[in-house]
All heavy atoms as atom14 arrays in JSON, in Angstrom:
{
  "sequence": "GGGQRAERSRGIYFAKQGFATVDINWLGRPMDAEINENTDWGKVDPT",
  "atom14_mask": [
    [1, 1, 1, 1, 0, 0, 0, 0, 0, 0, 0, 0, 0, 0],
    [1, 1, 1, 1, 0, 0, 0, 0, 0, 0, 0, 0, 0, 0],
    [1, 1, 1, 1, 0, 0, 0, 0, 0, 0, 0, 0, 0, 0],
    [1, 1, 1, 1, 1, 1, 1, 1, 1, 0, 0, 0, 0, 0],
    [1, 1, 1, 1, 1, 1, 1, 1, 1, 1, 1, 0, 0, 0],
    [1, 1, 1, 1, 1, 0, 0, 0, 0, 0, 0, 0, 0, 0],
    [1, 1, 1, 1, 1, 1, 1, 1, 1, 0, 0, 0, 0, 0],
    [1, 1, 1, 1, 1, 1, 1, 1, 1, 1, 1, 0, 0, 0],
    [1, 1, 1, 1, 1, 1, 0, 0, 0, 0, 0, 0, 0, 0],
    [1, 1, 1, 1, 1, 1, 1, 1, 1, 1, 1, 0, 0, 0],
    [1, 1, 1, 1, 0, 0, 0, 0, 0, 0, 0, 0, 0, 0],
    [1, 1, 1, 1, 1, 1, 1, 1, 0, 0, 0, 0, 0, 0],
    [1, 1, 1, 1, 1, 1, 1, 1, 1, 1, 1, 1, 0, 0],
    [1, 1, 1, 1, 1, 1, 1, 1, 1, 1, 1, 0, 0, 0],
    [1, 1, 1, 1, 1, 0, 0, 0, 0, 0, 0, 0, 0, 0],
    [1, 1, 1, 1, 1, 1, 1, 1, 1, 0, 0, 0, 0, 0],
    [1, 1, 1, 1, 1, 1, 1, 1, 1, 0, 0, 0, 0, 0],
    [1, 1, 1, 1, 0, 0, 0, 0, 0, 0, 0, 0, 0, 0],
    [1, 1, 1, 1, 1, 1, 1, 1, 1, 1, 1, 0, 0, 0],
    [1, 1, 1, 1, 1, 0, 0, 0, 0, 0, 0, 0, 0, 0],
    [1, 1, 1, 1, 1, 1, 1, 0, 0, 0, 0, 0, 0, 0],
    [1, 1, 1, 1, 1, 1, 1, 0, 0, 0, 0, 0, 0, 0],
    [1, 1, 1, 1, 1, 1, 1, 1, 0, 0, 0, 0, 0, 0],
    [1, 1, 1, 1, 1, 1, 1, 1, 0, 0, 0, 0, 0, 0],
    [1, 1, 1, 1, 1, 1, 1, 1, 0, 0, 0, 0, 0, 0],
    [1, 1, 1, 1, 1, 1, 1, 1, 1, 1, 1, 1, 1, 1],
    [1, 1, 1, 1, 1, 1, 1, 1, 0, 0, 0, 0, 0, 0],
    [1, 1, 1, 1, 0, 0, 0, 0, 0, 0, 0, 0, 0, 0],
    [1, 1, 1, 1, 1, 1, 1, 1, 1, 1, 1, 0, 0, 0],
    [1, 1, 1, 1, 1, 1, 1, 0, 0, 0, 0, 0, 0, 0],
    [1, 1, 1, 1, 1, 1, 1, 1, 0, 0, 0, 0, 0, 0],
    [1, 1, 1, 1, 1, 1, 1, 1, 0, 0, 0, 0, 0, 0],
    [1, 1, 1, 1, 1, 0, 0, 0, 0, 0, 0, 0, 0, 0],
    [1, 1, 1, 1, 1, 1, 1, 1, 1, 0, 0, 0, 0, 0],
    [1, 1, 1, 1, 1, 1, 1, 1, 0, 0, 0, 0, 0, 0],
    [1, 1, 1, 1, 1, 1, 1, 1, 0, 0, 0, 0, 0, 0],
    [1, 1, 1, 1, 1, 1, 1, 1, 1, 0, 0, 0, 0, 0],
    [1, 1, 1, 1, 1, 1, 1, 1, 0, 0, 0, 0, 0, 0],
    [1, 1, 1, 1, 1, 1, 1, 0, 0, 0, 0, 0, 0, 0],
    [1, 1, 1, 1, 1, 1, 1, 1, 0, 0, 0, 0, 0, 0],
    [1, 1, 1, 1, 1, 1, 1, 1, 1, 1, 1, 1, 1, 1],
    [1, 1, 1, 1, 0, 0, 0, 0, 0, 0, 0, 0, 0, 0],
    [1, 1, 1, 1, 1, 1, 1, 1, 1, 0, 0, 0, 0, 0],
    [1, 1, 1, 1, 1, 1, 1, 0, 0, 0, 0, 0, 0, 0],
    [1, 1, 1, 1, 1, 1, 1, 1, 0, 0, 0, 0, 0, 0],
    [1, 1, 1, 1, 1, 1, 1, 0, 0, 0, 0, 0, 0, 0],
    [1, 1, 1, 1, 1, 1, 1, 0, 0, 0, 0, 0, 0, 0]
  ],
  "atom14_positions": [
    [[27.35, -53.42, 0.09], [28.21, -54.53, 0.51], [29.25, -54.89, -0.52], [29.34, -54.31, -1.61], [0.0, 0.0, 0.0], [0.0, 0.0, 0.0], [0.0, 0.0, 0.0], [0.0, 0.0, 0.0], [0.0, 0.0, 0.0], [0.0, 0.0, 0.0], [0.0, 0.0, 0.0], [0.0, 0.0, 0.0], [0.0, 0.0, 0.0], [0.0, 0.0, 0.0]],
    [[30.06, -55.88, -0.18], [31.1, -56.36, -1.09], [30.5, -56.89, -2.38], [29.49, -57.57, -2.38], [0.0, 0.0, 0.0], [0.0, 0.0, 0.0], [0.0, 0.0, 0.0], [0.0, 0.0, 0.0], [0.0, 0.0, 0.0], [0.0, 0.0, 0.0], [0.0, 0.0, 0.0], [0.0, 0.0, 0.0], [0.0, 0.0, 0.0], [0.0, 0.0, 0.0]],
    [[31.15, -56.55, -3.5], [30.68, -56.99, -4.8], [29.47, -56.23, -5.31], [29.01, -56.49, -6.43], [0.0, 0.0, 0.0], [0.0, 0.0, 0.0], [0.0, 0.0, 0.0], [0.0, 0.0, 0.0], [0.0, 0.0, 0.0], [0.0, 0.0, 0.0], [0.0, 0.0, 0.0], [0.0, 0.0, 0.0], [0.0, 0.0, 0.0], [0.0, 0.0, 0.0]],
    [[28.96, -55.3, -4.52], [27.73, -54.59, -4.89], [28.04, -53.19, -5.42], [29.2, -52.85, -5.66], [26.79, -54.53, -3.68], [26.37, -55.91, -3.17], [25.53, -55.84, -1.91], [25.26, -54.77, -1.37], [25.13, -56.99, -1.4], [0.0, 0.0, 0.0], [0.0, 0.0, 0.0], [0.0, 0.0, 0.0], [0.0, 0.0, 0.0], [0.0, 0.0, 0.0]],
    [[27.0, -52.39, -5.56], [27.15, -51.03, -6.07], [26.03, -50.16, -5.51], [25.06, -50.68, -4.95], [27.09, -51.03, -7.59], [25.7, -51.26, -8.14], [25.69, -51.43, -9.64], [25.86, -52.82, -10.01], [26.27, -53.25, -11.2], [26.56, -52.37, -12.13], [26.39, -54.53, -11.46], [0.0, 0.0, 0.0], [0.0, 0.0, 0.0], [0.0, 0.0, 0.0]],
    [[26.17, -48.87, -5.68], [25.07, -47.96, -5.33], [23.9, -48.23, -6.28], [24.1, -48.56, -7.45], [25.53, -46.51, -5.45], [0.0, 0.0, 0.0], [0.0, 0.0, 0.0], [0.0, 0.0, 0.0], [0.0, 0.0, 0.0], [0.0, 0.0, 0.0], [0.0, 0.0, 0.0], [0.0, 0.0, 0.0], [0.0, 0.0, 0.0], [0.0, 0.0, 0.0]],
    [[22.67, -48.08, -5.75], [21.47, -48.38, -6.54], [20.52, -47.2, -6.5], [20.15, -46.73, -5.43], [20.77, -49.62, -5.98], [21.59, -50.9, -6.01], [21.67, -51.54, -7.38], [20.96, -51.04, -8.3], [22.42, -52.52, -7.55], [0.0, 0.0, 0.0], [0.0, 0.0, 0.0], [0.0, 0.0, 0.0], [0.0, 0.0, 0.0], [0.0, 0.0, 0.0]],
    [[20.11, -46.73, -7.68], [19.19, -45.6, -7.74], [17.83, -45.96, -7.17], [17.17, -45.14, -6.52], [19.06, -45.12, -9.19], [18.2, -43.88, -9.36], [18.59, -43.08, -10.6], [18.45, -43.83, -11.82], [17.44, -43.67, -12.7], [16.49, -42.78, -12.44], [17.4, -44.36, -13.81], [0.0, 0.0, 0.0], [0.0, 0.0, 0.0], [0.0, 0.0, 0.0]],
    [[17.37, -47.19, -7.38], [16.05, -47.61, -6.9], [15.96, -47.55, -5.39], [14.89, -47.27, -4.83], [15.74, -49.03, -7.39], [16.7, -49.96, -6.91], [0.0, 0.0, 0.0], [0.0, 0.0, 0.0], [0.0, 0.0, 0.0], [0.0, 0.0, 0.0], [0.0, 0.0, 0.0], [0.0, 0.0, 0.0], [0.0, 0.0, 0.0], [0.0, 0.0, 0.0]],
    [[17.06, -47.82, -4.71], [17.05, -47.78, -3.25], [16.78, -46.36, -2.75], [15.96, -46.13, -1.85], [18.39, -48.3, -2.72], [18.48, -48.34, -1.21], [19.62, -49.22, -0.73], [20.83, -49.08, -1.51], [21.49, -50.11, -2.07], [21.05, -51.33, -1.94], [22.59, -49.91, -2.77], [0.0, 0.0, 0.0], [0.0, 0.0, 0.0], [0.0, 0.0, 0.0]],
    [[17.46, -45.39, -3.35], [17.25, -44.01, -2.95], [15.84, -43.52, -3.25], [15.26, -42.76, -2.48], [0.0, 0.0, 0.0], [0.0, 0.0, 0.0], [0.0, 0.0, 0.0], [0.0, 0.0, 0.0], [0.0, 0.0, 0.0], [0.0, 0.0, 0.0], [0.0, 0.0, 0.0], [0.0, 0.0, 0.0], [0.0, 0.0, 0.0], [0.0, 0.0, 0.0]],
    [[15.29, -43.97, -4.38], [13.92, -43.59, -4.73], [12.94, -44.13, -3.69], [12.03, -43.4, -3.25], [13.56, -44.11, -6.14], [14.39, -43.36, -7.19], [12.07, -43.97, -6.42], [14.27, -43.95, -8.59], [0.0, 0.0, 0.0], [0.0, 0.0, 0.0], [0.0, 0.0, 0.0], [0.0, 0.0, 0.0], [0.0, 0.0, 0.0], [0.0, 0.0, 0.0]],
    [[13.13, -45.4, -3.3], [12.23, -45.98, -2.29], [12.26, -45.16, -1.0], [11.22, -44.79, -0.45], [12.6, -47.43, -1.99], [11.91, -47.95, -0.76], [10.57, -48.31, -0.79], [12.57, -48.02, 0.47], [9.9, -48.74, 0.35], [11.92, -48.45, 1.61], [10.58, -48.81, 1.55], [9.93, -49.22, 2.68], [0.0, 0.0, 0.0], [0.0, 0.0, 0.0]],
    [[13.46, -44.87, -0.5], [13.54, -44.17, 0.79], [13.12, -42.71, 0.68], [12.62, -42.14, 1.65], [14.94, -44.32, 1.38], [15.16, -45.66, 2.0], [16.03, -46.58, 1.43], [14.48, -46.03, 3.15], [16.21, -47.84, 1.99], [14.65, -47.29, 3.72], [15.51, -48.18, 3.14], [0.0, 0.0, 0.0], [0.0, 0.0, 0.0], [0.0, 0.0, 0.0]],
    [[13.28, -42.11, -0.49], [12.77, -40.75, -0.68], [11.25, -40.75, -0.54], [10.66, -39.82, 0.03], [13.2, -40.2, -2.03], [0.0, 0.0, 0.0], [0.0, 0.0, 0.0], [0.0, 0.0, 0.0], [0.0, 0.0, 0.0], [0.0, 0.0, 0.0], [0.0, 0.0, 0.0], [0.0, 0.0, 0.0], [0.0, 0.0, 0.0], [0.0, 0.0, 0.0]],
    [[10.61, -41.8, -1.04], [9.16, -41.91, -0.91], [8.73, -42.18, 0.53], [7.56, -42.0, 0.88], [8.63, -43.0, -1.84], [8.73, -42.62, -3.31], [8.17, -43.69, -4.22], [8.23, -43.25, -5.68], [7.69, -44.27, -6.61], [0.0, 0.0, 0.0], [0.0, 0.0, 0.0], [0.0, 0.0, 0.0], [0.0, 0.0, 0.0], [0.0, 0.0, 0.0]],
    [[9.69, -42.6, 1.37], [9.41, -42.77, 2.8], [9.75, -41.5, 3.58], [9.65, -41.47, 4.81], [10.22, -43.95, 3.38], [10.13, -45.24, 2.59], [8.72, -45.64, 2.23], [7.85, -45.71, 3.1], [8.48, -45.89, 0.95], [0.0, 0.0, 0.0], [0.0, 0.0, 0.0], [0.0, 0.0, 0.0], [0.0, 0.0, 0.0], [0.0, 0.0, 0.0]],
    [[10.2, -40.45, 2.86], [10.46, -39.17, 3.5], [11.9, -38.94, 3.9], [12.2, -38.05, 4.7], [0.0, 0.0, 0.0], [0.0, 0.0, 0.0], [0.0, 0.0, 0.0], [0.0, 0.0, 0.0], [0.0, 0.0, 0.0], [0.0, 0.0, 0.0], [0.0, 0.0, 0.0], [0.0, 0.0, 0.0], [0.0, 0.0, 0.0], [0.0, 0.0, 0.0]],
    [[12.86, -39.73, 3.34], [14.27, -39.58, 3.68], [15.08, -39.12, 2.46], [14.82, -39.55, 1.33], [14.87, -40.91, 4.15], [14.3, -41.42, 5.43], [13.33, -42.42, 5.42], [14.73, -40.93, 6.66], [12.8, -42.91, 6.6], [14.2, -41.41, 7.84], [13.22, -42.4, 7.82], [0.0, 0.0, 0.0], [0.0, 0.0, 0.0], [0.0, 0.0, 0.0]],
    [[16.07, -38.3, 2.7], [17.12, -38.06, 1.71], [18.22, -39.08, 1.98], [18.49, -39.41, 3.14], [17.66, -36.64, 1.83], [0.0, 0.0, 0.0], [0.0, 0.0, 0.0], [0.0, 0.0, 0.0], [0.0, 0.0, 0.0], [0.0, 0.0, 0.0], [0.0, 0.0, 0.0], [0.0, 0.0, 0.0], [0.0, 0.0, 0.0], [0.0, 0.0, 0.0]],
    [[18.83, -39.59, 0.93], [19.92, -40.56, 1.11], [21.05, -40.26, 0.15], [20.83, -39.75, -0.95], [19.45, -42.01, 0.85], [18.99, -42.14, -0.5], [18.35, -42.42, 1.81], [0.0, 0.0, 0.0], [0.0, 0.0, 0.0], [0.0, 0.0, 0.0], [0.0, 0.0, 0.0], [0.0, 0.0, 0.0], [0.0, 0.0, 0.0], [0.0, 0.0, 0.0]],
    [[22.25, -40.59, 0.57], [23.38, -40.62, -0.35], [23.93, -42.04, -0.29], [24.31, -42.54, 0.76], [24.46, -39.56, -0.03], [25.05, -39.73, 1.36], [25.54, -39.56, -1.1], [0.0, 0.0, 0.0], [0.0, 0.0, 0.0], [0.0, 0.0, 0.0], [0.0, 0.0, 0.0], [0.0, 0.0, 0.0], [0.0, 0.0, 0.0], [0.0, 0.0, 0.0]],
    [[23.91, -42.7, -1.44], [24.3, -44.11, -1.58], [25.67, -44.12, -2.24], [25.8, -43.93, -3.45], [23.24, -44.82, -2.43], [23.4, -46.33, -2.47], [24.49, -46.82, -2.11], [22.44, -47.0, -2.86], [0.0, 0.0, 0.0], [0.0, 0.0, 0.0], [0.0, 0.0, 0.0], [0.0, 0.0, 0.0], [0.0, 0.0, 0.0], [0.0, 0.0, 0.0]],
    [[26.72, -44.32, -1.44], [28.09, -44.17, -1.94], [28.55, -45.44, -2.67], [28.37, -46.55, -2.18], [29.08, -43.79, -0.82], [29.04, -44.8, 0.34], [28.78, -42.39, -0.32], [30.09, -44.55, 1.41], [0.0, 0.0, 0.0], [0.0, 0.0, 0.0], [0.0, 0.0, 0.0], [0.0, 0.0, 0.0], [0.0, 0.0, 0.0], [0.0, 0.0, 0.0]],
    [[29.17, -45.23, -3.8], [29.62, -46.34, -4.65], [31.1, -46.63, -4.4], [31.95, -46.47, -5.27], [29.39, -45.99, -6.12], [29.44, -47.21, -7.03], [28.81, -48.22, -6.75], [30.18, -47.11, -8.11], [0.0, 0.0, 0.0], [0.0, 0.0, 0.0], [0.0, 0.0, 0.0], [0.0, 0.0, 0.0], [0.0, 0.0, 0.0], [0.0, 0.0, 0.0]],
    [[31.4, -47.08, -3.17], [32.81, -47.19, -2.77], [33.6, -48.21, -3.57], [34.81, -48.09, -3.76], [32.92, -47.48, -1.27], [32.29, -48.75, -0.79], [31.07, -48.9, -0.21], [32.88, -50.07, -0.8], [30.83, -50.21, 0.12], [31.94, -50.95, -0.22], [34.09, -50.58, -1.24], [32.17, -52.32, -0.09], [34.33, -51.95, -1.11], [33.38, -52.8, -0.53]],
    [[32.93, -49.25, -4.08], [33.65, -50.3, -4.8], [33.99, -49.88, -6.23], [34.9, -50.45, -6.84], [32.82, -51.59, -4.81], [33.45, -52.84, -5.41], [34.82, -53.12, -4.79], [32.52, -54.04, -5.24], [0.0, 0.0, 0.0], [0.0, 0.0, 0.0], [0.0, 0.0, 0.0], [0.0, 0.0, 0.0], [0.0, 0.0, 0.0], [0.0, 0.0, 0.0]],
    [[33.26, -48.91, -6.77], [33.59, -48.41, -8.09], [32.99, -49.18, -9.25], [33.37, -48.96, -10.41], [0.0, 0.0, 0.0], [0.0, 0.0, 0.0], [0.0, 0.0, 0.0], [0.0, 0.0, 0.0], [0.0, 0.0, 0.0], [0.0, 0.0, 0.0], [0.0, 0.0, 0.0], [0.0, 0.0, 0.0], [0.0, 0.0, 0.0], [0.0, 0.0, 0.0]],
    [[32.05, -50.07, -8.98], [31.38, -50.77, -10.09], [30.54, -49.78, -10.89], [30.03, -48.8, -10.35], [30.49, -51.89, -9.54], [31.25, -53.07, -9.01], [30.28, -54.19, -8.65], [29.6, -54.7, -9.84], [28.61, -55.61, -9.81], [28.17, -56.06, -8.65], [28.04, -56.02, -10.91], [0.0, 0.0, 0.0], [0.0, 0.0, 0.0], [0.0, 0.0, 0.0]],
    [[30.35, -50.04, -12.19], [29.5, -49.15, -12.98], [28.1, -49.03, -12.38], [27.5, -50.03, -11.98], [29.46, -49.84, -14.35], [30.71, -50.65, -14.41], [30.95, -51.12, -13.0], [0.0, 0.0, 0.0], [0.0, 0.0, 0.0], [0.0, 0.0, 0.0], [0.0, 0.0, 0.0], [0.0, 0.0, 0.0], [0.0, 0.0, 0.0], [0.0, 0.0, 0.0]],
    [[27.59, -47.8, -12.32], [26.27, -47.54, -11.75], [25.21, -47.31, -12.81], [24.04, -47.61, -12.6], [26.35, -46.3, -10.84], [27.26, -46.47, -9.64], [27.78, -44.87, -8.94], [26.23, -44.11, -8.52], [0.0, 0.0, 0.0], [0.0, 0.0, 0.0], [0.0, 0.0, 0.0], [0.0, 0.0, 0.0], [0.0, 0.0, 0.0], [0.0, 0.0, 0.0]],
    [[25.61, -46.74, -13.94], [24.68, -46.4, -15.01], [25.4, -46.66, -16.33], [26.5, -46.14, -16.56], [24.24, -44.94, -14.89], [23.14, -44.56, -15.86], [23.34, -44.75, -17.08], [22.08, -44.07, -15.41], [0.0, 0.0, 0.0], [0.0, 0.0, 0.0], [0.0, 0.0, 0.0], [0.0, 0.0, 0.0], [0.0, 0.0, 0.0], [0.0, 0.0, 0.0]],
    [[24.76, -47.42, -17.21], [25.4, -47.82, -18.47], [25.74, -46.62, -19.35], [26.64, -46.7, -20.2], [24.49, -48.79, -19.22], [0.0, 0.0, 0.0], [0.0, 0.0, 0.0], [0.0, 0.0, 0.0], [0.0, 0.0, 0.0], [0.0, 0.0, 0.0], [0.0, 0.0, 0.0], [0.0, 0.0, 0.0], [0.0, 0.0, 0.0], [0.0, 0.0, 0.0]],
    [[25.05, -45.5, -19.14], [25.26, -44.33, -19.99], [26.24, -43.32, -19.39], [26.52, -42.29, -20.0], [23.92, -43.64, -20.27], [22.94, -44.53, -21.03], [21.61, -43.83, -21.27], [21.45, -42.69, -20.79], [20.75, -44.44, -21.94], [0.0, 0.0, 0.0], [0.0, 0.0, 0.0], [0.0, 0.0, 0.0], [0.0, 0.0, 0.0], [0.0, 0.0, 0.0]],
    [[26.74, -43.61, -18.19], [27.63, -42.66, -17.51], [28.98, -43.34, -17.23], [29.03, -44.39, -16.58], [27.01, -42.16, -16.19], [25.7, -41.43, -16.48], [27.98, -41.24, -15.46], [24.95, -40.99, -15.24], [0.0, 0.0, 0.0], [0.0, 0.0, 0.0], [0.0, 0.0, 0.0], [0.0, 0.0, 0.0], [0.0, 0.0, 0.0], [0.0, 0.0, 0.0]],
    [[30.05, -42.74, -17.73], [31.39, -43.3, -17.53], [32.05, -42.8, -16.25], [32.85, -43.5, -15.63], [32.28, -42.98, -18.72], [31.83, -43.71, -19.98], [31.37, -44.86, -19.91], [31.94, -43.05, -21.13], [0.0, 0.0, 0.0], [0.0, 0.0, 0.0], [0.0, 0.0, 0.0], [0.0, 0.0, 0.0], [0.0, 0.0, 0.0], [0.0, 0.0, 0.0]],
    [[31.75, -41.55, -15.87], [32.39, -40.97, -14.69], [31.96, -41.75, -13.45], [30.77, -41.98, -13.22], [32.03, -39.5, -14.56], [32.89, -38.77, -13.54], [32.94, -37.27, -13.78], [32.41, -36.81, -14.81], [33.53, -36.56, -12.95], [0.0, 0.0, 0.0], [0.0, 0.0, 0.0], [0.0, 0.0, 0.0], [0.0, 0.0, 0.0], [0.0, 0.0, 0.0]],
    [[32.94, -42.12, -12.63], [32.64, -43.01, -11.51], [33.67, -42.78, -10.41], [34.51, -41.9, -10.49], [32.66, -44.47, -11.98], [31.84, -45.4, -11.11], [31.56, -45.11, -9.95], [31.46, -46.53, -11.65], [0.0, 0.0, 0.0], [0.0, 0.0, 0.0], [0.0, 0.0, 0.0], [0.0, 0.0, 0.0], [0.0, 0.0, 0.0], [0.0, 0.0, 0.0]],
    [[33.58, -43.59, -9.4], [34.55, -43.55, -8.31], [35.97, -43.73, -8.85], [36.22, -44.61, -9.67], [34.24, -44.65, -7.28], [32.94, -44.4, -6.71], [35.29, -44.72, -6.19], [0.0, 0.0, 0.0], [0.0, 0.0, 0.0], [0.0, 0.0, 0.0], [0.0, 0.0, 0.0], [0.0, 0.0, 0.0], [0.0, 0.0, 0.0], [0.0, 0.0, 0.0]],
    [[36.87, -42.9, -8.38], [38.27, -42.98, -8.79], [39.12, -42.74, -7.55], [39.22, -41.61, -7.06], [38.58, -41.95, -9.87], [40.0, -42.1, -10.44], [40.83, -42.77, -9.79], [40.27, -41.54, -11.52], [0.0, 0.0, 0.0], [0.0, 0.0, 0.0], [0.0, 0.0, 0.0], [0.0, 0.0, 0.0], [0.0, 0.0, 0.0], [0.0, 0.0, 0.0]],
    [[39.72, -43.8, -7.03], [40.49, -43.71, -5.79], [41.91, -43.18, -6.02], [42.68, -43.04, -5.05], [40.56, -45.07, -5.11], [39.27, -45.45, -4.44], [38.31, -46.31, -4.89], [38.79, -44.96, -3.18], [37.27, -46.39, -4.0], [37.54, -45.57, -2.94], [39.3, -44.06, -2.24], [36.79, -45.32, -1.78], [38.56, -43.8, -1.09], [37.32, -44.42, -0.87]],
    [[42.26, -42.88, -7.27], [43.58, -42.3, -7.52], [44.7, -43.29, -7.25], [44.73, -44.38, -7.81], [0.0, 0.0, 0.0], [0.0, 0.0, 0.0], [0.0, 0.0, 0.0], [0.0, 0.0, 0.0], [0.0, 0.0, 0.0], [0.0, 0.0, 0.0], [0.0, 0.0, 0.0], [0.0, 0.0, 0.0], [0.0, 0.0, 0.0], [0.0, 0.0, 0.0]],
    [[45.62, -42.91, -6.34], [46.79, -43.74, -6.07], [46.64, -44.65, -4.85], [47.62, -45.23, -4.38], [48.02, -42.85, -5.9], [48.48, -42.2, -7.2], [49.82, -41.5, -7.03], [50.32, -40.94, -8.35], [51.64, -40.28, -8.2], [0.0, 0.0, 0.0], [0.0, 0.0, 0.0], [0.0, 0.0, 0.0], [0.0, 0.0, 0.0], [0.0, 0.0, 0.0]],
    [[45.4, -44.75, -4.33], [45.13, -45.72, -3.27], [44.01, -46.64, -3.77], [43.35, -46.34, -4.77], [44.71, -45.04, -1.94], [45.86, -44.22, -1.39], [43.47, -44.18, -2.13], [0.0, 0.0, 0.0], [0.0, 0.0, 0.0], [0.0, 0.0, 0.0], [0.0, 0.0, 0.0], [0.0, 0.0, 0.0], [0.0, 0.0, 0.0], [0.0, 0.0, 0.0]],
    [[43.8, -47.75, -3.06], [42.81, -48.71, -3.55], [42.21, -49.51, -2.4], [42.72, -50.56, -2.04], [43.46, -49.65, -4.57], [42.48, -50.65, -5.15], [41.27, -50.52, -4.88], [42.92, -51.57, -5.87], [0.0, 0.0, 0.0], [0.0, 0.0, 0.0], [0.0, 0.0, 0.0], [0.0, 0.0, 0.0], [0.0, 0.0, 0.0], [0.0, 0.0, 0.0]],
    [[41.07, -49.04, -1.85], [40.41, -49.81, -0.79], [39.29, -50.71, -1.34], [38.26, -50.9, -0.69], [39.84, -48.71, 0.09], [39.46, -47.64, -0.88], [40.47, -47.71, -2.0], [0.0, 0.0, 0.0], [0.0, 0.0, 0.0], [0.0, 0.0, 0.0], [0.0, 0.0, 0.0], [0.0, 0.0, 0.0], [0.0, 0.0, 0.0], [0.0, 0.0, 0.0]],
    [[39.46, -51.25, -2.55], [38.4, -52.02, -3.21], [38.72, -53.51, -3.17], [39.64, -53.96, -2.47], [38.2, -51.54, -4.66], [39.31, -51.98, -5.46], [38.08, -50.03, -4.72], [0.0, 0.0, 0.0], [0.0, 0.0, 0.0], [0.0, 0.0, 0.0], [0.0, 0.0, 0.0], [0.0, 0.0, 0.0], [0.0, 0.0, 0.0], [0.0, 0.0, 0.0]]
  ]
}
């Protein structure tokens, strides 16, 4: 949702329920403090 981000814990929970998931980080907020590479919309901005 708005103001939110992709969450690793969410994918782990649903994997344990037998689902594969892709949790898209469309807003571009930091997902992991140790990883800089993130969403980059280039010359457009739907955020």
